[in-house]
Amino acid sequence: MRHRLGRECLYVPSCRLGLYVALRHWCRPGGRVLMSPVNDDVIFFVVLAAGLRPVQAPLRAEDGSIDLAAVPESVWHGLSAVLTTNLYGNPDPAPELRARCDQLGIPLLEDAAHAIGSTVAGQPVGTFGDASVFSLSKHTGAKTGGFLTVADPALRAGLERARDELLEPARLSAELAYGLRPYAEAGVRGLRLVGAARATLRLLGLEEREDIRMELRPGELKRAQSAAPALTDFHSWIRVDMHDYRLRPGGLRLRRTERLLTRLEGRLAGHRAGVQVLSATRWALPRPGPAQPLFRVPLLVEDRDAAIAALARRRITVGYLYDPPLDAYAGDLFTDPSPAPGPAAWFARHALPVDPLRAEAAISVLTGLGARPAEVPAAFAHRDTDRATGPQGGDSG
């Protein structure tokens, strides 16, 4: 990763822990952080755990990236930092954000969990910010680990100490479970027992999301805020989908992660090829320039629920949905709402994140379903974006 990015990299057990370390280093408690409302709720809780106030940014309806022009001046001048999302690997406008942060004298932090191979202006995502975080659970499929990268190599030692203070001791049971997980998952898929497996997890209390968003529990969350900055009081929210996010990695975990990371270039090539195929469909907006190795391609579909159900019948799982946006989910008790929430809500409702490695199969399902593309409402469309040619869809609401 140091060779790829040209900056110092620190291994972390999870992207979310790396982000917490970065927020604690660069932002004083009580500060305000501009972030995307179409984002994983875990990241929202990490910002709260760091003792910070999330400020939801307006987004472009076409791709869910931050819309700089729609951020009021009054919002810019009250910020302590900007946090990018690079949703599904599509880059946020990092050069412009970098320039704006420099003007204001605040740090730019990049969440590059979905964007390990993406570039903007010929430069890798994750090399614009004062710090950036990467996930190895995504493109590599390691299901553990990540990197915190820094522009100033002199900061590495201090960040390493901060990371180590937060780590929990390695556990043999966790290492064994990690080693057996790929075989168990393959067996479940092969026997078509995914539904039964999820029902069992819910029965045991291990399936923590019944809906796209986890339960907010506002009363408990307000009490947890009184202890921030602290991870412990936010543990029940931040651990969701990854209970070992603070676990010191053992040898088995590190060896498997290293092996998968050596295959990254091949995986990125596969993603680029799938992105090219999906980008040519009537559900995708045109993407100028060479294909990025997106983690998911957000097709815009009028009836997304019907599309998800049809894909599930072909055992194509659709994850990484972030609907409703965080300001609608959490309310103004916990976040400053976007000054222009409409485009983000529209994108969150219509985006269908498709794995580019399953491109042909997904296109077959959507074609057979007769899925209609969702047209970006004229009020939300940017002048530099034209809809791909093909049958016209409509806005479902």
Protein backbone atom coordinates (compact mmCIF):
# COMPACT_ATOMS: atom_id res chain seq x y z
CA MET A 1 0.00 0.00 0.00
CA ARG A 2 2.91 2.35 0.67
CA HIS A 3 4.18 1.67 -2.85
CA ARG A 4 0.71 2.10 -4.35
CA LEU A 5 -0.08 5.39 -2.61
CA GLY A 6 3.33 6.93 -2.06
CA ARG A 7 2.56 7.69 1.59
CA GLU A 8 2.98 6.10 4.98
CA CYS A 9 0.47 3.34 5.78
CA LEU A 10 -0.52 1.86 9.12
CA TYR A 11 -2.36 -1.48 9.28
CA VAL A 12 -5.58 -1.41 11.31
CA PRO A 13 -8.01 -4.26 12.13
CA SER A 14 -10.84 -2.36 10.39
CA CYS A 15 -11.50 0.76 8.38
CA ARG A 16 -13.86 2.01 11.09
CA LEU A 17 -11.16 1.82 13.76
CA GLY A 18 -8.71 3.60 11.46
CA LEU A 19 -11.24 6.38 10.92
CA TYR A 20 -11.79 6.75 14.66
CA VAL A 21 -8.04 7.08 15.22
CA ALA A 22 -7.84 9.73 12.48
CA LEU A 23 -10.81 11.73 13.79
CA ARG A 24 -9.40 11.71 17.31
CA HIS A 25 -6.03 12.93 16.07
CA TRP A 26 -7.21 15.71 13.74
CA CYS A 27 -10.44 16.92 15.36
CA ARG A 28 -11.08 18.26 18.85
CA PRO A 29 -14.25 17.03 20.57
CA GLY A 30 -17.18 19.28 19.85
CA GLY A 31 -16.09 19.94 16.28
CA ARG A 32 -18.25 19.63 13.19
CA VAL A 33 -17.49 17.28 10.29
CA LEU A 34 -19.00 17.60 6.81
CA MET A 35 -19.88 14.14 5.50
CA SER A 36 -22.18 12.38 3.06
CA PRO A 37 -25.71 11.46 4.19
CA VAL A 38 -25.63 8.43 1.86
CA ASN A 39 -23.16 6.42 3.86
CA ASP A 40 -23.01 3.44 6.19
CA ASP A 41 -24.56 4.25 9.56
CA VAL A 42 -21.52 2.67 11.26
CA ILE A 43 -19.44 5.59 9.97
CA PHE A 44 -22.01 8.01 11.39
CA PHE A 45 -21.62 6.40 14.81
CA VAL A 46 -17.82 6.51 14.55
CA VAL A 47 -18.05 10.30 14.05
CA LEU A 48 -20.33 10.58 17.10
CA ALA A 49 -18.02 8.35 19.15
CA ALA A 50 -15.15 10.73 18.39
CA GLY A 51 -17.17 13.47 20.10
CA LEU A 52 -17.99 15.25 16.84
CA ARG A 53 -21.14 16.62 15.26
CA PRO A 54 -21.92 15.21 11.77
CA VAL A 55 -22.96 17.82 9.21
CA GLN A 56 -24.70 16.29 6.21
CA ALA A 57 -23.53 17.51 2.81
CA PRO A 58 -25.73 18.02 -0.26
CA LEU A 59 -25.09 15.41 -2.94
CA ARG A 60 -25.34 15.06 -6.70
CA ALA A 61 -28.37 12.97 -7.59
CA GLU A 62 -26.49 11.37 -10.50
CA ASP A 63 -23.82 9.55 -8.48
CA GLY A 64 -24.13 10.40 -4.78
CA SER A 65 -20.93 12.47 -4.65
CA ILE A 66 -20.60 15.67 -2.61
CA ASP A 67 -22.00 18.74 -4.38
CA LEU A 68 -19.59 21.51 -3.37
CA ALA A 69 -21.58 24.28 -5.04
CA ALA A 70 -24.62 23.49 -2.87
CA VAL A 71 -22.76 23.81 0.47
CA PRO A 72 -23.59 27.24 1.97
CA GLU A 73 -20.71 29.49 3.02
CA SER A 74 -22.08 29.53 6.56
CA VAL A 75 -21.62 25.75 6.72
CA TRP A 76 -18.03 25.83 5.41
CA HIS A 77 -16.90 28.32 8.03
CA GLY A 78 -18.24 26.27 10.94
CA LEU A 79 -16.38 23.06 10.09
CA SER A 80 -13.52 21.27 11.81
CA ALA A 81 -12.94 18.76 8.98
CA VAL A 82 -14.35 17.29 5.78
CA LEU A 83 -14.81 13.53 5.41
CA THR A 84 -15.24 12.10 1.92
CA THR A 85 -17.07 8.84 1.16
CA ASN A 86 -16.16 7.96 -2.45
CA LEU A 87 -19.40 6.00 -2.56
CA TYR A 88 -19.07 2.61 -4.29
CA GLY A 89 -15.63 3.76 -5.49
CA ASN A 90 -16.90 6.80 -7.39
CA PRO A 91 -14.55 9.62 -6.33
CA ASP A 92 -15.75 12.68 -4.50
CA PRO A 93 -14.29 15.94 -5.90
CA ALA A 94 -11.09 15.57 -3.88
CA PRO A 95 -8.96 18.27 -5.60
CA GLU A 96 -11.63 20.90 -5.04
CA LEU A 97 -12.25 19.71 -1.48
CA ARG A 98 -8.52 19.80 -0.81
CA ALA A 99 -8.32 23.38 -2.01
CA ARG A 100 -11.34 24.40 0.08
CA CYS A 101 -9.95 22.76 3.21
CA ASP A 102 -6.61 24.49 2.67
CA GLN A 103 -8.41 27.84 2.43
CA LEU A 104 -10.20 27.15 5.71
CA GLY A 105 -7.19 25.60 7.46
CA ILE A 106 -9.03 22.35 8.26
CA PRO A 107 -8.10 18.73 7.52
CA LEU A 108 -9.47 16.66 4.67
CA LEU A 109 -10.03 13.02 5.65
CA GLU A 110 -10.79 10.45 2.95
CA ASP A 111 -12.88 7.33 3.50
CA ALA A 112 -11.60 5.16 0.65
CA ALA A 113 -13.18 1.89 1.82
CA HIS A 114 -14.88 1.43 -1.57
CA ALA A 115 -12.16 3.09 -3.62
CA ILE A 116 -8.92 1.17 -3.27
CA GLY A 117 -8.26 1.39 -7.03
CA SER A 118 -10.09 4.58 -7.98
CA THR A 119 -8.38 7.73 -9.20
CA VAL A 120 -9.33 11.36 -9.67
CA ALA A 121 -7.36 13.83 -11.78
CA GLY A 122 -4.84 11.07 -12.41
CA GLN A 123 -4.13 10.62 -8.69
CA PRO A 124 -5.21 7.72 -6.44
CA VAL A 125 -8.15 8.31 -4.15
CA GLY A 126 -6.72 8.45 -0.65
CA THR A 127 -3.74 10.65 -1.54
CA PHE A 128 -5.46 14.04 -1.29
CA GLY A 129 -6.32 14.09 2.39
CA ASP A 130 -4.30 14.67 5.51
CA ALA A 131 -5.28 11.06 6.20
CA SER A 132 -7.29 8.35 4.50
CA VAL A 133 -8.68 4.96 5.45
CA PHE A 134 -8.96 1.85 3.30
CA SER A 135 -10.83 -1.40 3.84
CA LEU A 136 -9.54 -4.85 2.95
CA SER A 137 -13.05 -6.30 3.38
CA LYS A 138 -14.14 -4.96 0.01
CA HIS A 139 -12.08 -5.46 -3.16
CA THR A 140 -9.75 -8.05 -1.64
CA GLY A 141 -12.52 -10.01 0.10
CA ALA A 142 -10.39 -10.43 3.23
CA LYS A 143 -13.37 -9.58 5.49
CA THR A 144 -10.94 -8.01 7.95
CA GLY A 145 -8.32 -5.33 8.14
CA GLY A 146 -7.57 -2.02 6.53
CA PHE A 147 -5.08 0.82 6.38
CA LEU A 148 -4.80 4.29 7.82
CA THR A 149 -2.57 6.39 5.56
CA VAL A 150 -1.05 9.78 6.35
CA ALA A 151 0.46 12.56 4.27
CA ASP A 152 3.02 13.39 6.98
CA PRO A 153 5.16 10.32 7.76
CA ALA A 154 6.29 11.91 11.04
CA LEU A 155 2.79 11.26 12.42
CA ARG A 156 2.93 7.49 11.95
CA ALA A 157 4.48 6.61 15.31
CA GLY A 158 1.94 8.62 17.29
CA LEU A 159 -0.97 7.16 15.35
CA GLU A 160 0.41 3.66 15.85
CA ARG A 161 0.46 4.22 19.61
CA ALA A 162 -3.11 5.54 19.50
CA ARG A 163 -4.18 2.46 17.53
CA ASP A 164 -2.47 0.06 19.93
CA GLU A 165 -4.19 1.63 22.94
CA LEU A 166 -7.55 0.77 21.37
CA LEU A 167 -6.80 -2.81 20.34
CA GLU A 168 -8.27 -5.79 22.15
CA PRO A 169 -6.11 -8.90 22.65
CA ALA A 170 -6.14 -11.57 19.94
CA ARG A 171 -8.45 -14.50 20.70
CA LEU A 172 -7.88 -18.04 19.48
CA SER A 173 -11.63 -18.59 19.07
CA ALA A 174 -11.88 -15.53 16.82
CA GLU A 175 -8.94 -16.71 14.71
CA LEU A 176 -10.47 -20.16 14.27
CA ALA A 177 -13.84 -18.67 13.35
CA TYR A 178 -12.15 -16.42 10.83
CA GLY A 179 -10.27 -19.33 9.30
CA LEU A 180 -13.41 -21.45 8.97
CA ARG A 181 -15.69 -18.68 7.72
CA PRO A 182 -14.92 -18.96 3.98
CA TYR A 183 -15.66 -22.70 4.00
CA ALA A 184 -18.87 -22.25 5.98
CA GLU A 185 -20.08 -19.51 3.64
CA ALA A 186 -19.27 -21.60 0.58
CA GLY A 187 -21.22 -24.51 2.05
CA VAL A 188 -24.24 -22.35 2.81
CA ARG A 189 -24.26 -20.96 -0.72
CA GLY A 190 -23.76 -24.36 -2.30
CA LEU A 191 -26.67 -25.83 -0.37
CA ARG A 192 -28.84 -22.76 -0.99
CA LEU A 193 -29.29 -22.26 2.73
CA VAL A 194 -28.70 -18.52 2.88
CA GLY A 195 -32.22 -17.76 4.11
CA ALA A 196 -32.05 -20.43 6.80
CA ALA A 197 -28.63 -19.25 7.90
CA ARG A 198 -29.84 -15.67 8.30
CA ALA A 199 -32.91 -16.83 10.25
CA THR A 200 -30.62 -18.74 12.63
CA LEU A 201 -28.42 -15.68 13.12
CA ARG A 202 -31.48 -13.58 13.96
CA LEU A 203 -32.65 -16.22 16.45
CA LEU A 204 -29.24 -16.16 18.16
CA GLY A 205 -29.19 -12.37 18.24
CA LEU A 206 -26.26 -12.18 15.81
CA GLU A 207 -28.20 -10.66 12.91
CA GLU A 208 -28.27 -7.03 13.99
CA ARG A 209 -29.99 -5.40 11.00
CA GLU A 210 -33.60 -6.17 10.21
CA ASP A 211 -33.75 -3.17 7.87
CA ILE A 212 -31.17 -1.31 5.79
CA ARG A 213 -30.39 0.95 8.74
CA MET A 214 -29.71 -0.44 12.20
CA GLU A 215 -32.01 0.59 15.06
CA LEU A 216 -31.03 4.08 16.21
CA ARG A 217 -32.09 3.75 19.89
CA PRO A 218 -32.05 7.54 20.45
CA GLY A 219 -32.33 7.41 24.25
CA GLU A 220 -29.29 5.15 24.58
CA LEU A 221 -27.43 7.10 21.93
CA LYS A 222 -27.95 10.40 23.75
CA ARG A 223 -26.54 8.85 26.92
CA ALA A 224 -23.56 7.48 25.01
CA GLN A 225 -22.82 10.96 23.64
CA SER A 226 -22.33 12.26 27.15
CA ALA A 227 -19.27 9.96 27.45
CA ALA A 228 -17.77 10.82 24.04
CA PRO A 229 -15.07 10.72 22.86
CA ALA A 230 -15.02 7.01 23.68
CA LEU A 231 -15.51 3.79 21.76
CA THR A 232 -16.84 1.67 24.61
CA ASP A 233 -20.17 3.45 24.99
CA PHE A 234 -20.77 3.25 21.22
CA HIS A 235 -19.67 -0.36 20.90
CA SER A 236 -23.15 -1.79 20.23
CA TRP A 237 -23.51 0.45 17.16
CA ILE A 238 -19.95 0.44 15.82
CA ARG A 239 -19.47 -3.34 16.05
CA VAL A 240 -22.45 -4.12 13.78
CA ASP A 241 -21.44 -6.43 10.90
CA MET A 242 -17.90 -6.70 12.34
CA HIS A 243 -17.62 -7.65 15.99
CA ASP A 244 -13.83 -7.99 15.78
CA TYR A 245 -13.25 -4.44 14.51
CA ARG A 246 -10.84 -3.74 17.43
CA LEU A 247 -9.25 -7.16 17.63
CA ARG A 248 -5.47 -7.44 17.40
CA PRO A 249 -4.94 -9.69 14.35
CA GLY A 250 -3.39 -13.12 14.72
CA GLY A 251 -1.07 -14.89 12.31
CA LEU A 252 -3.82 -16.74 10.43
CA ARG A 253 -5.73 -13.53 9.75
CA LEU A 254 -2.62 -11.65 8.62
CA ARG A 255 -1.36 -14.43 6.35
CA ARG A 256 -4.70 -14.78 4.58
CA THR A 257 -5.05 -11.02 4.23
CA GLU A 258 -1.54 -10.73 2.79
CA ARG A 259 -2.25 -13.53 0.30
CA LEU A 260 -5.46 -11.87 -0.87
CA LEU A 261 -3.79 -8.48 -1.13
CA THR A 262 -1.21 -9.89 -3.55
CA ARG A 263 -4.12 -10.67 -5.90
CA LEU A 264 -5.49 -7.13 -5.80
CA GLU A 265 -4.47 -6.10 -9.32
CA GLY A 266 -6.31 -9.05 -10.83
CA ARG A 267 -9.42 -8.23 -8.82
CA LEU A 268 -9.28 -4.60 -9.88
CA ALA A 269 -9.01 -5.64 -13.53
CA GLY A 270 -12.12 -7.78 -13.11
CA HIS A 271 -13.99 -4.87 -11.55
CA ARG A 272 -12.99 -2.53 -14.38
CA ALA A 273 -14.24 -5.00 -16.97
CA GLY A 274 -17.56 -5.36 -15.16
CA VAL A 275 -17.92 -1.61 -14.78
CA GLN A 276 -17.50 -1.17 -18.53
CA VAL A 277 -20.28 -3.69 -19.18
CA LEU A 278 -22.67 -2.21 -16.63
CA SER A 279 -21.94 1.38 -17.67
CA ALA A 280 -23.18 0.59 -21.17
CA THR A 281 -26.66 -0.37 -19.93
CA ARG A 282 -29.73 1.86 -19.93
CA TRP A 283 -29.77 1.92 -16.11
CA ALA A 284 -26.38 3.63 -15.86
CA LEU A 285 -25.39 7.23 -16.38
CA PRO A 286 -22.42 7.89 -18.67
CA ARG A 287 -19.05 7.90 -16.93
CA PRO A 288 -16.44 10.01 -18.70
CA GLY A 289 -12.88 8.74 -18.99
CA PRO A 290 -11.48 5.24 -18.43
CA ALA A 291 -13.50 2.81 -16.33
CA GLN A 292 -12.82 2.98 -12.61
CA PRO A 293 -12.62 -0.33 -10.70
CA LEU A 294 -15.76 0.52 -8.72
CA PHE A 295 -16.62 -1.73 -5.80
CA ARG A 296 -20.26 -1.53 -6.85
CA VAL A 297 -21.93 0.14 -9.83
CA PRO A 298 -24.98 2.16 -8.73
CA LEU A 299 -27.52 1.53 -11.45
CA LEU A 300 -30.56 3.80 -11.21
CA VAL A 301 -33.73 1.70 -11.21
CA GLU A 302 -37.30 2.90 -10.87
CA ASP A 303 -38.59 -0.01 -8.76
CA ARG A 304 -35.52 -1.01 -6.81
CA ASP A 305 -37.31 -3.38 -4.44
CA ALA A 306 -38.60 -5.46 -7.35
CA ALA A 307 -35.10 -5.53 -8.84
CA ILE A 308 -33.57 -6.67 -5.54
CA ALA A 309 -36.12 -9.46 -5.22
CA ALA A 310 -35.53 -10.62 -8.80
CA LEU A 311 -31.77 -10.67 -8.29
CA ALA A 312 -32.17 -12.59 -5.02
CA ARG A 313 -34.05 -15.33 -6.87
CA ARG A 314 -30.88 -15.79 -8.92
CA ARG A 315 -28.80 -15.77 -5.70
CA ILE A 316 -27.36 -12.33 -6.47
CA THR A 317 -27.31 -10.43 -3.18
CA VAL A 318 -27.63 -6.67 -3.20
CA GLY A 319 -25.93 -5.03 -0.23
CA TYR A 320 -24.45 -1.65 0.60
CA LEU A 321 -27.77 0.16 0.49
CA TYR A 322 -27.86 3.44 2.44
CA ASP A 323 -31.52 4.40 2.46
CA PRO A 324 -32.80 6.63 4.02
CA PRO A 325 -30.05 9.27 4.14
CA LEU A 326 -28.45 9.81 7.53
CA ASP A 327 -30.22 13.10 8.29
CA ALA A 328 -33.62 11.48 7.73
CA TYR A 329 -32.49 8.44 9.75
CA ALA A 330 -30.99 10.23 12.75
CA GLY A 331 -32.82 13.56 12.83
CA ASP A 332 -31.50 16.93 13.91
CA LEU A 333 -30.95 15.75 17.48
CA PHE A 334 -27.79 13.99 16.31
CA THR A 335 -26.80 15.70 13.07
CA ASP A 336 -27.09 18.90 11.08
CA PRO A 337 -29.35 18.07 8.12
CA SER A 338 -28.34 18.70 4.55
CA PRO A 339 -29.31 22.15 3.25
CA ALA A 340 -30.53 20.44 0.07
CA PRO A 341 -31.72 16.92 0.98
CA GLY A 342 -33.72 16.14 -2.16
CA PRO A 343 -30.97 14.80 -4.46
CA ALA A 344 -29.52 12.54 -1.75
CA ALA A 345 -32.94 11.11 -0.92
CA TRP A 346 -33.65 10.46 -4.59
CA PHE A 347 -30.31 8.75 -5.17
CA ALA A 348 -30.62 6.64 -2.00
CA ARG A 349 -34.07 5.47 -3.08
CA HIS A 350 -33.13 4.49 -6.64
CA ALA A 351 -29.49 3.35 -6.50
CA LEU A 352 -29.08 -0.39 -7.09
CA PRO A 353 -25.46 -1.28 -6.21
CA VAL A 354 -24.43 -4.12 -8.54
CA ASP A 355 -21.25 -6.15 -8.09
CA PRO A 356 -19.29 -5.68 -11.34
CA LEU A 357 -18.04 -9.27 -11.06
CA ARG A 358 -21.69 -10.36 -11.53
CA ALA A 359 -22.38 -7.88 -14.34
CA GLU A 360 -23.68 -10.23 -17.04
CA ALA A 361 -25.92 -12.18 -14.68
CA ALA A 362 -27.36 -9.00 -13.17
CA ILE A 363 -28.08 -7.51 -16.60
CA SER A 364 -29.87 -10.71 -17.60
CA VAL A 365 -32.10 -10.52 -14.52
CA LEU A 366 -32.91 -6.83 -14.96
CA THR A 367 -33.64 -7.31 -18.65
CA GLY A 368 -35.94 -10.24 -17.94
CA LEU A 369 -37.72 -8.24 -15.27
CA GLY A 370 -38.23 -5.33 -17.63
CA ALA A 371 -36.71 -3.00 -15.03
CA ARG A 372 -37.19 0.63 -15.97
CA PRO A 373 -34.36 3.15 -15.50
CA ALA A 374 -35.03 5.96 -13.05
CA GLU A 375 -34.63 9.38 -14.63
CA VAL A 376 -32.90 12.05 -12.57
CA PRO A 377 -35.52 14.78 -11.97
CA ALA A 378 -34.76 17.94 -13.92
CA ALA A 379 -34.57 19.94 -10.70
CA PHE A 380 -31.69 17.75 -9.48
CA ALA A 381 -29.78 17.21 -12.73
CA HIS A 382 -26.40 18.84 -13.33
CA ARG A 383 -25.74 20.41 -16.71
CA ASP A 384 -22.60 18.31 -17.26
CA THR A 385 -24.51 15.02 -17.05
CA ASP A 386 -26.71 13.60 -19.81
CA ARG A 387 -28.82 10.45 -19.48
CA ALA A 388 -27.58 7.41 -21.38
CA THR A 389 -29.58 6.68 -24.50
CA GLY A 390 -32.26 4.04 -24.21
CA PRO A 391 -35.88 3.64 -23.21
CA GLN A 392 -37.01 6.37 -20.85
CA GLY A 393 -37.91 5.67 -17.26
CA GLY A 394 -39.63 7.82 -14.68
CA ASP A 395 -39.31 9.09 -11.16
CA SER A 396 -41.19 6.82 -8.77
CA GLY A 397 -41.70 9.51 -6.23
